[in-house]
Structures are given as C-alpha cells and as structure tokens.
Amino acid sequence: MGATYIYLAAVLLCFAANSILSRLALASGSIDAASFTSVRLISGAVMLAVVLALRVMRGGDFRPAGAVDPIAALTLFLYAIFFSFAYVSLGAASGALLVFAAVQLTMIGVALYRGERPSASVWAGAMLAAGGLVYLLVPGVNAPPPLPALSMIVAGISWGVYSLRGAGKTDPVAATAWNFFLAAPLALLFSFTTASSAHITAAGAGWAIISGAFTSGLGYVMWYHVLPRFSATTAALVQLTVPALAALGGVWLLAEPFSPRLAIASIAILGGATLVIAAHRRA
C-alpha cells in the first residue's frame, strides 16, 4: 500500500506542477501561449504513444476499448489553449483556484441539466464555491486581470466537460492517449494561424515538454493506475490538494504573493467542494 501512496503523491505533484510550469514558461516570455500548447500536447501524445506501444508489446491493445471521442479531444484542446493564454498574466495560485472552481461548478451544472436533484448540502457547497469564485473576481486590490481570469474559467469549463465525457471509460489510458493524438493537430493548426507572433526559446520549449510528457502524459497514466485503489469520494477529496499545492509552489518557487483575498476565496471554493463531495458520499 506504501507504493500506492507514493504514486498518489507523485500524481498530485504532477497536476499542481502544470500550473507552475506554465507560469514559468509563459510569464517569462520564453514561449508564446499557442506554441506552448502545441509543444505540450505533442509531447503528451508522444509519451502516451510510448506507453501504449509498451502495452502492445505485453499483449495489450493500442486503440481504446470504445470509439474514439472527437468531442473529448476538442475539449482537451480548448482546455489546454485557454489554460496557456490565462497563465501569461495569472499567478499560479489564482489560476489553479479559478480552473478548479470552474470544473466543479461545470460538473454540478451538467448534473442539474441532466435532471439530478441535489441535496441541500450540494446546493450549499455549490453556492459557497460560486461565492468564493465571485469574491476572487470582484474588481479591487489583488483581483486577477479580467480577461486572463475569463480565459482560465473557460479552460475549467472545458476540462469539466472533458472529465464528464471520459467518465466510465473502460480503458482510460488509451482513451486519454487518443484524445491527445487528436488534440495535438488542433493545437498545431492554431499555432500556424498565430505564427506571426510565435517565439520559442530552449527554456520555454523545455518547460512545455516537461508539462506535456511528464506532468500531463505520465501524470494521467499514474492517476489511472492508482484510481481503482480508492473510492470515488477519496479520489475527489485528494484532488482538493492540487490548488493548494499550486499556490504553495507559486509562493515558494515563483515568489508570488498570497493575498488575503486569495486565502478567503480558497477557503470558500475548497470548502464548497468538500461539502459537495461529502454529500455524494452520504448519498
């Protein structure tokens, strides 16, 4: 069981590191957002292709058990491109918090649209998280810039839809790999349309490769490896640590300030998500 928790810790660090790596590459201007997205998705696709090739050598399949999902690939691309553009200006902590809140609220909204009747605890959690999100975005001192914040919210909505599309997949690693295979050409196409403003340095490309191949590609493989060993509630709860880890990384590694506004918003958003998860556990 010790190895499982080591894997879990590595996964959470990988997910939080995506915010740190994106901020390192994009805030410094060492690479533009479109190129970062292309390199990240291509690197992830290559790493996942290697994982599937090794699986084939052991008698497994290269293609997923079900049909390839182009909608999931599109939402993966939308998440990645809006995520990158947001981190040109957003701090790692506020960006991670915004995307997390948008994911949670999107999934609750879809559940309502599908006819689910949330309990009072779910409503309270959703309202608390939404309130924290609004408080974070209200203009004033330490508020994130509005357009990058909106970009990160769109990234979170896209990731929420992507997660819902992937729910219940019998072969999530192969499904994720094929989503990367389809999303990478979309990112390249977008890069071609913005080629006039493209700029890539060795450092920027390096951060993007690490983010794509390791903290994204291998991170997802490790996540799907440990996920069956935990309940859905436990898995959801441990993901609450990702925004906190990203915030700590931003403060420690990037010397970003952690304002009272960000602290209050963090408590509201993460507390609201905890209420929702607890309600699902009781149900």
C-alpha atoms as a PDB file:
ATOM      1  CA  MET A   1       0.000   0.000   0.000  1.00  0.00           C
ATOM      2  CA  GLY A   2       3.014   2.288   0.572  1.00  0.00           C
ATOM      3  CA  ALA A   3       3.786   2.332  -3.145  1.00  0.00           C
ATOM      4  CA  THR A   4       0.185   3.377  -3.864  1.00  0.00           C
ATOM      5  CA  TYR A   5       0.523   6.475  -1.712  1.00  0.00           C
ATOM      6  CA  ILE A   6       3.865   7.303  -3.314  1.00  0.00           C
ATOM      7  CA  TYR A   7       2.167   7.128  -6.725  1.00  0.00           C
ATOM      8  CA  LEU A   8      -0.697   9.262  -5.420  1.00  0.00           C
ATOM      9  CA  ALA A   9       1.654  11.916  -4.066  1.00  0.00           C
ATOM     10  CA  ALA A  10       3.521  11.951  -7.377  1.00  0.00           C
ATOM     11  CA  VAL A  11       0.255  12.389  -9.296  1.00  0.00           C
ATOM     12  CA  LEU A  12      -0.899  15.331  -7.164  1.00  0.00           C
ATOM     13  CA  LEU A  13       2.502  16.993  -7.526  1.00  0.00           C
ATOM     14  CA  CYS A  14       2.313  16.472 -11.299  1.00  0.00           C
ATOM     15  CA  PHE A  15      -1.118  18.078 -11.547  1.00  0.00           C
ATOM     16  CA  ALA A  16      -0.052  21.051  -9.411  1.00  0.00           C
ATOM     17  CA  ALA A  17       3.209  21.343 -11.368  1.00  0.00           C
ATOM     18  CA  ASN A  18       1.278  22.023 -14.570  1.00  0.00           C
ATOM     19  CA  SER A  19       0.351  25.435 -13.191  1.00  0.00           C
ATOM     20  CA  ILE A  20       3.916  26.128 -12.039  1.00  0.00           C
ATOM     21  CA  LEU A  21       5.496  25.031 -15.330  1.00  0.00           C
ATOM     22  CA  SER A  22       3.005  27.003 -17.412  1.00  0.00           C
ATOM     23  CA  ARG A  23       3.635  30.119 -15.351  1.00  0.00           C
ATOM     24  CA  LEU A  24       7.416  29.651 -15.544  1.00  0.00           C
ATOM     25  CA  ALA A  25       7.338  29.389 -19.326  1.00  0.00           C
ATOM     26  CA  LEU A  26       4.693  31.967 -20.179  1.00  0.00           C
ATOM     27  CA  ALA A  27       5.229  34.735 -17.634  1.00  0.00           C
ATOM     28  CA  SER A  28       8.888  34.985 -18.604  1.00  0.00           C
ATOM     29  CA  GLY A  29       8.017  35.331 -22.294  1.00  0.00           C
ATOM     30  CA  SER A  30      10.260  32.405 -23.192  1.00  0.00           C
ATOM     31  CA  ILE A  31       7.484  30.940 -25.352  1.00  0.00           C
ATOM     32  CA  ASP A  32       4.128  32.156 -26.637  1.00  0.00           C
ATOM     33  CA  ALA A  33       0.884  30.573 -25.445  1.00  0.00           C
ATOM     34  CA  ALA A  34      -0.010  28.879 -28.745  1.00  0.00           C
ATOM     35  CA  SER A  35       3.441  27.312 -29.142  1.00  0.00           C
ATOM     36  CA  PHE A  36       3.449  26.208 -25.504  1.00  0.00           C
ATOM     37  CA  THR A  37       0.122  24.450 -26.053  1.00  0.00           C
ATOM     38  CA  SER A  38       1.355  22.738 -29.225  1.00  0.00           C
ATOM     39  CA  VAL A  39       4.577  21.518 -27.643  1.00  0.00           C
ATOM     40  CA  ARG A  40       2.717  20.410 -24.510  1.00  0.00           C
ATOM     41  CA  LEU A  41       0.072  18.379 -26.370  1.00  0.00           C
ATOM     42  CA  ILE A  42       2.545  16.893 -28.862  1.00  0.00           C
ATOM     43  CA  SER A  43       4.892  15.877 -26.025  1.00  0.00           C
ATOM     44  CA  GLY A  44       1.985  14.325 -24.147  1.00  0.00           C
ATOM     45  CA  ALA A  45       0.880  12.456 -27.281  1.00  0.00           C
ATOM     46  CA  VAL A  46       4.400  11.087 -27.843  1.00  0.00           C
ATOM     47  CA  MET A  47       4.728   9.942 -24.228  1.00  0.00           C
ATOM     48  CA  LEU A  48       1.307   8.273 -24.291  1.00  0.00           C
ATOM     49  CA  ALA A  49       2.139   6.616 -27.630  1.00  0.00           C
ATOM     50  CA  VAL A  50       5.205   5.105 -25.964  1.00  0.00           C
ATOM     51  CA  VAL A  51       3.044   3.883 -23.072  1.00  0.00           C
ATOM     52  CA  LEU A  52       0.586   2.243 -25.488  1.00  0.00           C
ATOM     53  CA  ALA A  53       3.430   0.727 -27.547  1.00  0.00           C
ATOM     54  CA  LEU A  54       4.868  -0.869 -24.410  1.00  0.00           C
ATOM     55  CA  ARG A  55       1.415  -2.195 -23.605  1.00  0.00           C
ATOM     56  CA  VAL A  56       1.119  -3.725 -27.079  1.00  0.00           C
ATOM     57  CA  MET A  57       4.445  -5.497 -26.517  1.00  0.00           C
ATOM     58  CA  ARG A  58       2.839  -7.133 -23.479  1.00  0.00           C
ATOM     59  CA  GLY A  59      -0.203  -8.218 -25.485  1.00  0.00           C
ATOM     60  CA  GLY A  60      -2.451  -5.222 -24.915  1.00  0.00           C
ATOM     61  CA  ASP A  61      -4.322  -3.023 -27.402  1.00  0.00           C
ATOM     62  CA  PHE A  62      -3.202   0.261 -28.913  1.00  0.00           C
ATOM     63  CA  ARG A  63      -6.733   1.524 -29.519  1.00  0.00           C
ATOM     64  CA  PRO A  64      -9.251   2.198 -26.727  1.00  0.00           C
ATOM     65  CA  ALA A  65     -11.974  -0.314 -25.989  1.00  0.00           C
ATOM     66  CA  GLY A  66     -14.701   2.046 -27.196  1.00  0.00           C
ATOM     67  CA  ALA A  67     -14.902   4.516 -30.048  1.00  0.00           C
ATOM     68  CA  VAL A  68     -12.501   7.443 -30.245  1.00  0.00           C
ATOM     69  CA  ASP A  69     -14.263  10.587 -28.970  1.00  0.00           C
ATOM     70  CA  PRO A  70     -13.533  13.698 -31.101  1.00  0.00           C
ATOM     71  CA  ILE A  71     -15.607  15.887 -28.774  1.00  0.00           C
ATOM     72  CA  ALA A  72     -13.381  14.918 -25.857  1.00  0.00           C
ATOM     73  CA  ALA A  73     -10.309  15.719 -27.959  1.00  0.00           C
ATOM     74  CA  LEU A  74     -11.765  19.129 -28.814  1.00  0.00           C
ATOM     75  CA  THR A  75     -12.468  19.948 -25.168  1.00  0.00           C
ATOM     76  CA  LEU A  76      -8.935  18.820 -24.255  1.00  0.00           C
ATOM     77  CA  PHE A  77      -7.545  21.255 -26.831  1.00  0.00           C
ATOM     78  CA  LEU A  78      -9.811  24.071 -25.613  1.00  0.00           C
ATOM     79  CA  TYR A  79      -8.724  23.447 -22.020  1.00  0.00           C
ATOM     80  CA  ALA A  80      -5.042  23.490 -22.979  1.00  0.00           C
ATOM     81  CA  ILE A  81      -5.135  26.610 -25.160  1.00  0.00           C
ATOM     82  CA  PHE A  82      -7.210  28.736 -22.766  1.00  0.00           C
ATOM     83  CA  PHE A  83      -5.097  27.469 -19.843  1.00  0.00           C
ATOM     84  CA  SER A  84      -1.953  28.662 -21.621  1.00  0.00           C
ATOM     85  CA  PHE A  85      -3.284  32.090 -22.561  1.00  0.00           C
ATOM     86  CA  ALA A  86      -4.516  32.619 -18.997  1.00  0.00           C
ATOM     87  CA  TYR A  87      -1.128  31.895 -17.470  1.00  0.00           C
ATOM     88  CA  VAL A  88       0.575  34.620 -19.469  1.00  0.00           C
ATOM     89  CA  SER A  89      -0.832  37.005 -16.842  1.00  0.00           C
ATOM     90  CA  LEU A  90      -2.354  35.000 -13.989  1.00  0.00           C
ATOM     91  CA  GLY A  91      -0.422  33.853 -10.956  1.00  0.00           C
ATOM     92  CA  ALA A  92      -0.111  30.111 -10.365  1.00  0.00           C
ATOM     93  CA  ALA A  93      -2.299  30.175  -7.252  1.00  0.00           C
ATOM     94  CA  SER A  94      -5.199  32.208  -8.632  1.00  0.00           C
ATOM     95  CA  GLY A  95      -5.090  30.286 -11.928  1.00  0.00           C
ATOM     96  CA  ALA A  96      -5.250  26.894 -10.202  1.00  0.00           C
ATOM     97  CA  LEU A  97      -8.111  28.078  -7.996  1.00  0.00           C
ATOM     98  CA  LEU A  98     -10.088  29.507 -10.921  1.00  0.00           C
ATOM     99  CA  VAL A  99      -9.786  26.382 -13.048  1.00  0.00           C
ATOM    100  CA  PHE A 100     -10.691  24.135 -10.114  1.00  0.00           C
ATOM    101  CA  ALA A 101     -13.791  26.182  -9.252  1.00  0.00           C
ATOM    102  CA  ALA A 102     -14.907  26.262 -12.888  1.00  0.00           C
ATOM    103  CA  VAL A 103     -14.512  22.478 -13.193  1.00  0.00           C
ATOM    104  CA  GLN A 104     -16.556  21.802 -10.066  1.00  0.00           C
ATOM    105  CA  LEU A 105     -19.343  24.229 -10.958  1.00  0.00           C
ATOM    106  CA  THR A 106     -19.498  22.897 -14.529  1.00  0.00           C
ATOM    107  CA  MET A 107     -19.960  19.338 -13.317  1.00  0.00           C
ATOM    108  CA  ILE A 108     -22.685  20.428 -10.885  1.00  0.00           C
ATOM    109  CA  GLY A 109     -24.386  22.424 -13.642  1.00  0.00           C
ATOM    110  CA  VAL A 110     -24.366  19.455 -16.008  1.00  0.00           C
ATOM    111  CA  ALA A 111     -25.834  17.265 -13.267  1.00  0.00           C
ATOM    112  CA  LEU A 112     -28.673  19.770 -12.858  1.00  0.00           C
ATOM    113  CA  TYR A 113     -29.228  19.864 -16.603  1.00  0.00           C
ATOM    114  CA  ARG A 114     -29.488  16.077 -16.630  1.00  0.00           C
ATOM    115  CA  GLY A 115     -32.271  16.224 -14.089  1.00  0.00           C
ATOM    116  CA  GLU A 116     -30.434  15.373 -10.880  1.00  0.00           C
ATOM    117  CA  ARG A 117     -31.969  16.804  -7.722  1.00  0.00           C
ATOM    118  CA  PRO A 118     -29.144  17.970  -5.470  1.00  0.00           C
ATOM    119  CA  SER A 119     -29.424  17.779  -1.712  1.00  0.00           C
ATOM    120  CA  ALA A 120     -29.261  20.850   0.492  1.00  0.00           C
ATOM    121  CA  SER A 121     -25.570  20.122   1.160  1.00  0.00           C
ATOM    122  CA  VAL A 122     -24.779  20.105  -2.565  1.00  0.00           C
ATOM    123  CA  TRP A 123     -26.618  23.405  -3.041  1.00  0.00           C
ATOM    124  CA  ALA A 124     -24.783  24.906  -0.070  1.00  0.00           C
ATOM    125  CA  GLY A 125     -21.439  23.682  -1.383  1.00  0.00           C
ATOM    126  CA  ALA A 126     -22.129  24.978  -4.888  1.00  0.00           C
ATOM    127  CA  MET A 127     -23.193  28.388  -3.568  1.00  0.00           C
ATOM    128  CA  LEU A 128     -20.144  28.610  -1.301  1.00  0.00           C
ATOM    129  CA  ALA A 129     -17.790  27.714  -4.156  1.00  0.00           C
ATOM    130  CA  ALA A 130     -19.534  30.134  -6.523  1.00  0.00           C
ATOM    131  CA  GLY A 131     -19.351  32.840  -3.880  1.00  0.00           C
ATOM    132  CA  GLY A 132     -15.628  32.257  -3.482  1.00  0.00           C
ATOM    133  CA  LEU A 133     -15.188  32.484  -7.237  1.00  0.00           C
ATOM    134  CA  VAL A 134     -17.151  35.744  -7.428  1.00  0.00           C
ATOM    135  CA  TYR A 135     -15.220  37.192  -4.486  1.00  0.00           C
ATOM    136  CA  LEU A 136     -11.936  36.342  -6.188  1.00  0.00           C
ATOM    137  CA  LEU A 137     -13.036  38.087  -9.389  1.00  0.00           C
ATOM    138  CA  VAL A 138     -14.586  41.242  -7.895  1.00  0.00           C
ATOM    139  CA  PRO A 139     -12.521  44.233  -9.077  1.00  0.00           C
ATOM    140  CA  GLY A 140     -10.175  45.623  -6.471  1.00  0.00           C
ATOM    141  CA  VAL A 141      -6.763  45.155  -4.965  1.00  0.00           C
ATOM    142  CA  ASN A 142      -5.244  41.741  -5.743  1.00  0.00           C
ATOM    143  CA  ALA A 143      -8.058  40.782  -8.121  1.00  0.00           C
ATOM    144  CA  PRO A 144      -6.795  38.798 -11.130  1.00  0.00           C
ATOM    145  CA  PRO A 145      -6.939  40.588 -14.509  1.00  0.00           C
ATOM    146  CA  PRO A 146     -10.400  40.004 -16.018  1.00  0.00           C
ATOM    147  CA  LEU A 147      -9.557  38.615 -19.476  1.00  0.00           C
ATOM    148  CA  PRO A 148      -6.980  36.060 -18.257  1.00  0.00           C
ATOM    149  CA  ALA A 149      -9.382  35.103 -15.463  1.00  0.00           C
ATOM    150  CA  LEU A 150     -12.157  34.571 -18.001  1.00  0.00           C
ATOM    151  CA  SER A 151      -9.762  32.505 -20.124  1.00  0.00           C
ATOM    152  CA  MET A 152      -8.998  30.272 -17.133  1.00  0.00           C
ATOM    153  CA  ILE A 153     -12.702  29.863 -16.369  1.00  0.00           C
ATOM    154  CA  VAL A 154     -13.264  28.714 -19.972  1.00  0.00           C
ATOM    155  CA  ALA A 155     -10.360  26.294 -19.506  1.00  0.00           C
ATOM    156  CA  GLY A 156     -12.053  24.928 -16.381  1.00  0.00           C
ATOM    157  CA  ILE A 157     -15.409  24.559 -18.128  1.00  0.00           C
ATOM    158  CA  SER A 158     -13.676  22.697 -20.960  1.00  0.00           C
ATOM    159  CA  TRP A 159     -11.921  20.386 -18.505  1.00  0.00           C
ATOM    160  CA  GLY A 160     -15.196  19.750 -16.691  1.00  0.00           C
ATOM    161  CA  VAL A 161     -16.857  18.693 -19.948  1.00  0.00           C
ATOM    162  CA  TYR A 162     -13.785  16.620 -20.834  1.00  0.00           C
ATOM    163  CA  SER A 163     -13.976  14.831 -17.481  1.00  0.00           C
ATOM    164  CA  LEU A 164     -17.667  14.093 -17.935  1.00  0.00           C
ATOM    165  CA  ARG A 165     -17.024  12.728 -21.445  1.00  0.00           C
ATOM    166  CA  GLY A 166     -14.422  10.373 -20.017  1.00  0.00           C
ATOM    167  CA  ALA A 167     -16.447   9.139 -17.056  1.00  0.00           C
ATOM    168  CA  GLY A 168     -16.915   5.395 -17.085  1.00  0.00           C
ATOM    169  CA  LYS A 169     -14.348   4.633 -19.798  1.00  0.00           C
ATOM    170  CA  THR A 170     -13.196   1.025 -19.544  1.00  0.00           C
ATOM    171  CA  ASP A 171      -9.724   1.893 -20.857  1.00  0.00           C
ATOM    172  CA  PRO A 172      -9.000   5.449 -19.705  1.00  0.00           C
ATOM    173  CA  VAL A 173      -5.281   5.387 -20.543  1.00  0.00           C
ATOM    174  CA  ALA A 174      -5.903   4.515 -24.205  1.00  0.00           C
ATOM    175  CA  ALA A 175      -8.829   6.949 -24.374  1.00  0.00           C
ATOM    176  CA  THR A 176      -6.626   9.725 -22.972  1.00  0.00           C
ATOM    177  CA  ALA A 177      -3.848   8.885 -25.422  1.00  0.00           C
ATOM    178  CA  TRP A 178      -6.164   9.094 -28.417  1.00  0.00           C
ATOM    179  CA  ASN A 179      -7.592  12.364 -27.145  1.00  0.00           C
ATOM    180  CA  PHE A 180      -4.035  13.718 -27.146  1.00  0.00           C
ATOM    181  CA  PHE A 181      -3.421  12.285 -30.621  1.00  0.00           C
ATOM    182  CA  LEU A 182      -6.426  14.218 -31.938  1.00  0.00           C
ATOM    183  CA  ALA A 183      -5.912  17.389 -29.891  1.00  0.00           C
ATOM    184  CA  ALA A 184      -2.256  17.862 -30.880  1.00  0.00           C
ATOM    185  CA  PRO A 185      -3.033  18.586 -34.578  1.00  0.00           C
ATOM    186  CA  LEU A 186      -5.654  21.127 -33.482  1.00  0.00           C
ATOM    187  CA  ALA A 187      -3.009  22.905 -31.416  1.00  0.00           C
ATOM    188  CA  LEU A 188      -0.590  22.847 -34.357  1.00  0.00           C
ATOM    189  CA  LEU A 189      -3.237  24.291 -36.648  1.00  0.00           C
ATOM    190  CA  PHE A 190      -3.917  27.065 -34.164  1.00  0.00           C
ATOM    191  CA  SER A 191      -0.174  27.759 -33.919  1.00  0.00           C
ATOM    192  CA  PHE A 192       0.024  28.154 -37.684  1.00  0.00           C
ATOM    193  CA  THR A 193      -2.714  30.803 -37.558  1.00  0.00           C
ATOM    194  CA  THR A 194      -0.716  32.769 -34.955  1.00  0.00           C
ATOM    195  CA  ALA A 195       2.740  32.120 -36.449  1.00  0.00           C
ATOM    196  CA  SER A 196       3.485  35.828 -36.814  1.00  0.00           C
ATOM    197  CA  SER A 197       3.609  36.215 -33.017  1.00  0.00           C
ATOM    198  CA  ALA A 198       5.308  32.891 -32.270  1.00  0.00           C
ATOM    199  CA  HIS A 199       8.548  32.810 -30.310  1.00  0.00           C
ATOM    200  CA  ILE A 200      10.211  29.810 -28.688  1.00  0.00           C
ATOM    201  CA  THR A 201      13.360  29.596 -26.613  1.00  0.00           C
ATOM    202  CA  ALA A 202      15.058  26.425 -25.390  1.00  0.00           C
ATOM    203  CA  ALA A 203      13.842  27.099 -21.844  1.00  0.00           C
ATOM    204  CA  GLY A 204      10.253  27.664 -22.931  1.00  0.00           C
ATOM    205  CA  ALA A 205      10.227  24.516 -25.058  1.00  0.00           C
ATOM    206  CA  GLY A 206      11.768  22.573 -22.181  1.00  0.00           C
ATOM    207  CA  TRP A 207       9.075  23.636 -19.707  1.00  0.00           C
ATOM    208  CA  ALA A 208       6.381  22.750 -22.264  1.00  0.00           C
ATOM    209  CA  ILE A 209       7.900  19.302 -22.904  1.00  0.00           C
ATOM    210  CA  ILE A 210       8.079  18.547 -19.189  1.00  0.00           C
ATOM    211  CA  SER A 211       4.482  19.709 -18.752  1.00  0.00           C
ATOM    212  CA  GLY A 212       3.243  17.624 -21.681  1.00  0.00           C
ATOM    213  CA  ALA A 213       5.259  14.424 -21.430  1.00  0.00           C
ATOM    214  CA  PHE A 214       5.678  14.069 -17.688  1.00  0.00           C
ATOM    215  CA  THR A 215       3.286  16.115 -15.536  1.00  0.00           C
ATOM    216  CA  SER A 216       0.431  15.583 -18.036  1.00  0.00           C
ATOM    217  CA  GLY A 217       1.072  12.368 -20.009  1.00  0.00           C
ATOM    218  CA  LEU A 218       2.727  10.248 -17.317  1.00  0.00           C
ATOM    219  CA  GLY A 219       0.696  12.037 -14.644  1.00  0.00           C
ATOM    220  CA  TYR A 220      -2.554  10.762 -16.166  1.00  0.00           C
ATOM    221  CA  VAL A 221      -1.134   7.233 -16.524  1.00  0.00           C
ATOM    222  CA  MET A 222      -0.171   7.182 -12.836  1.00  0.00           C
ATOM    223  CA  TRP A 223      -3.555   8.641 -11.869  1.00  0.00           C
ATOM    224  CA  TYR A 224      -5.455   5.899 -13.674  1.00  0.00           C
ATOM    225  CA  HIS A 225      -3.102   3.346 -12.095  1.00  0.00           C
ATOM    226  CA  VAL A 226      -3.920   4.379  -8.525  1.00  0.00           C
ATOM    227  CA  LEU A 227      -7.544   5.463  -9.048  1.00  0.00           C
ATOM    228  CA  PRO A 228      -9.082   1.953  -8.765  1.00  0.00           C
ATOM    229  CA  ARG A 229      -7.497   1.586  -5.314  1.00  0.00           C
ATOM    230  CA  PHE A 230      -9.502   4.440  -3.822  1.00  0.00           C
ATOM    231  CA  SER A 231     -13.175   5.223  -3.531  1.00  0.00           C
ATOM    232  CA  ALA A 232     -14.579   7.941  -5.762  1.00  0.00           C
ATOM    233  CA  THR A 233     -15.070  10.153  -2.704  1.00  0.00           C
ATOM    234  CA  THR A 234     -11.476   9.729  -1.564  1.00  0.00           C
ATOM    235  CA  ALA A 235     -10.208  10.408  -5.079  1.00  0.00           C
ATOM    236  CA  ALA A 236     -12.254  13.606  -5.257  1.00  0.00           C
ATOM    237  CA  LEU A 237     -11.111  14.750  -1.817  1.00  0.00           C
ATOM    238  CA  VAL A 238      -7.410  14.282  -2.521  1.00  0.00           C
ATOM    239  CA  GLN A 239      -7.756  16.403  -5.663  1.00  0.00           C
ATOM    240  CA  LEU A 240      -8.639  19.305  -3.373  1.00  0.00           C
ATOM    241  CA  THR A 241      -4.939  19.463  -2.533  1.00  0.00           C
ATOM    242  CA  VAL A 242      -3.959  20.373  -6.116  1.00  0.00           C
ATOM    243  CA  PRO A 243      -4.892  24.099  -5.942  1.00  0.00           C
ATOM    244  CA  ALA A 244      -3.249  24.303  -2.516  1.00  0.00           C
ATOM    245  CA  LEU A 245      -0.053  22.705  -3.823  1.00  0.00           C
ATOM    246  CA  ALA A 246      -0.056  25.035  -6.819  1.00  0.00           C
ATOM    247  CA  ALA A 247      -0.496  28.025  -4.525  1.00  0.00           C
ATOM    248  CA  LEU A 248       2.375  26.904  -2.290  1.00  0.00           C
ATOM    249  CA  GLY A 249       4.526  26.297  -5.355  1.00  0.00           C
ATOM    250  CA  GLY A 250       3.726  29.749  -6.682  1.00  0.00           C
ATOM    251  CA  VAL A 251       4.693  31.368  -3.377  1.00  0.00           C
ATOM    252  CA  TRP A 252       7.802  29.247  -2.830  1.00  0.00           C
ATOM    253  CA  LEU A 253       9.191  28.826  -6.339  1.00  0.00           C
ATOM    254  CA  LEU A 254       7.877  31.908  -8.140  1.00  0.00           C
ATOM    255  CA  ALA A 255       7.820  34.382  -5.229  1.00  0.00           C
ATOM    256  CA  GLU A 256       4.142  35.148  -5.865  1.00  0.00           C
ATOM    257  CA  PRO A 257       2.186  36.934  -3.127  1.00  0.00           C
ATOM    258  CA  PHE A 258      -0.593  35.052  -1.363  1.00  0.00           C
ATOM    259  CA  SER A 259      -3.123  37.778  -0.607  1.00  0.00           C
ATOM    260  CA  PRO A 260      -5.943  37.724   1.973  1.00  0.00           C
ATOM    261  CA  ARG A 261      -8.413  37.795  -0.945  1.00  0.00           C
ATOM    262  CA  LEU A 262      -6.871  34.625  -2.374  1.00  0.00           C
ATOM    263  CA  ALA A 263      -6.876  32.959   1.040  1.00  0.00           C
ATOM    264  CA  ILE A 264     -10.573  33.706   1.646  1.00  0.00           C
ATOM    265  CA  ALA A 265     -11.531  32.609  -1.868  1.00  0.00           C
ATOM    266  CA  SER A 266      -9.530  29.396  -1.402  1.00  0.00           C
ATOM    267  CA  ILE A 267     -11.360  28.560   1.812  1.00  0.00           C
ATOM    268  CA  ALA A 268     -14.756  29.217   0.193  1.00  0.00           C
ATOM    269  CA  ILE A 269     -14.084  27.289  -3.029  1.00  0.00           C
ATOM    270  CA  LEU A 270     -12.346  24.304  -1.439  1.00  0.00           C
ATOM    271  CA  GLY A 271     -14.848  24.254   1.432  1.00  0.00           C
ATOM    272  CA  GLY A 272     -17.739  24.283  -1.025  1.00  0.00           C
ATOM    273  CA  ALA A 273     -16.219  21.415  -2.980  1.00  0.00           C
ATOM    274  CA  THR A 274     -15.772  19.474   0.260  1.00  0.00           C
ATOM    275  CA  LEU A 275     -19.480  19.887   1.062  1.00  0.00           C
ATOM    276  CA  VAL A 276     -20.446  18.593  -2.376  1.00  0.00           C
ATOM    277  CA  ILE A 277     -18.148  15.575  -2.088  1.00  0.00           C
ATOM    278  CA  ALA A 278     -19.392  14.790   1.413  1.00  0.00           C
ATOM    279  CA  ALA A 279     -22.989  14.955   0.178  1.00  0.00           C
ATOM    280  CA  HIS A 280     -22.213  12.488  -2.617  1.00  0.00           C
ATOM    281  CA  ARG A 281     -20.589  10.167  -0.101  1.00  0.00           C
ATOM    282  CA  ARG A 282     -23.695  10.161   2.104  1.00  0.00           C
ATOM    283  CA  ALA A 283     -25.872   9.521  -0.949  1.00  0.00           C
END
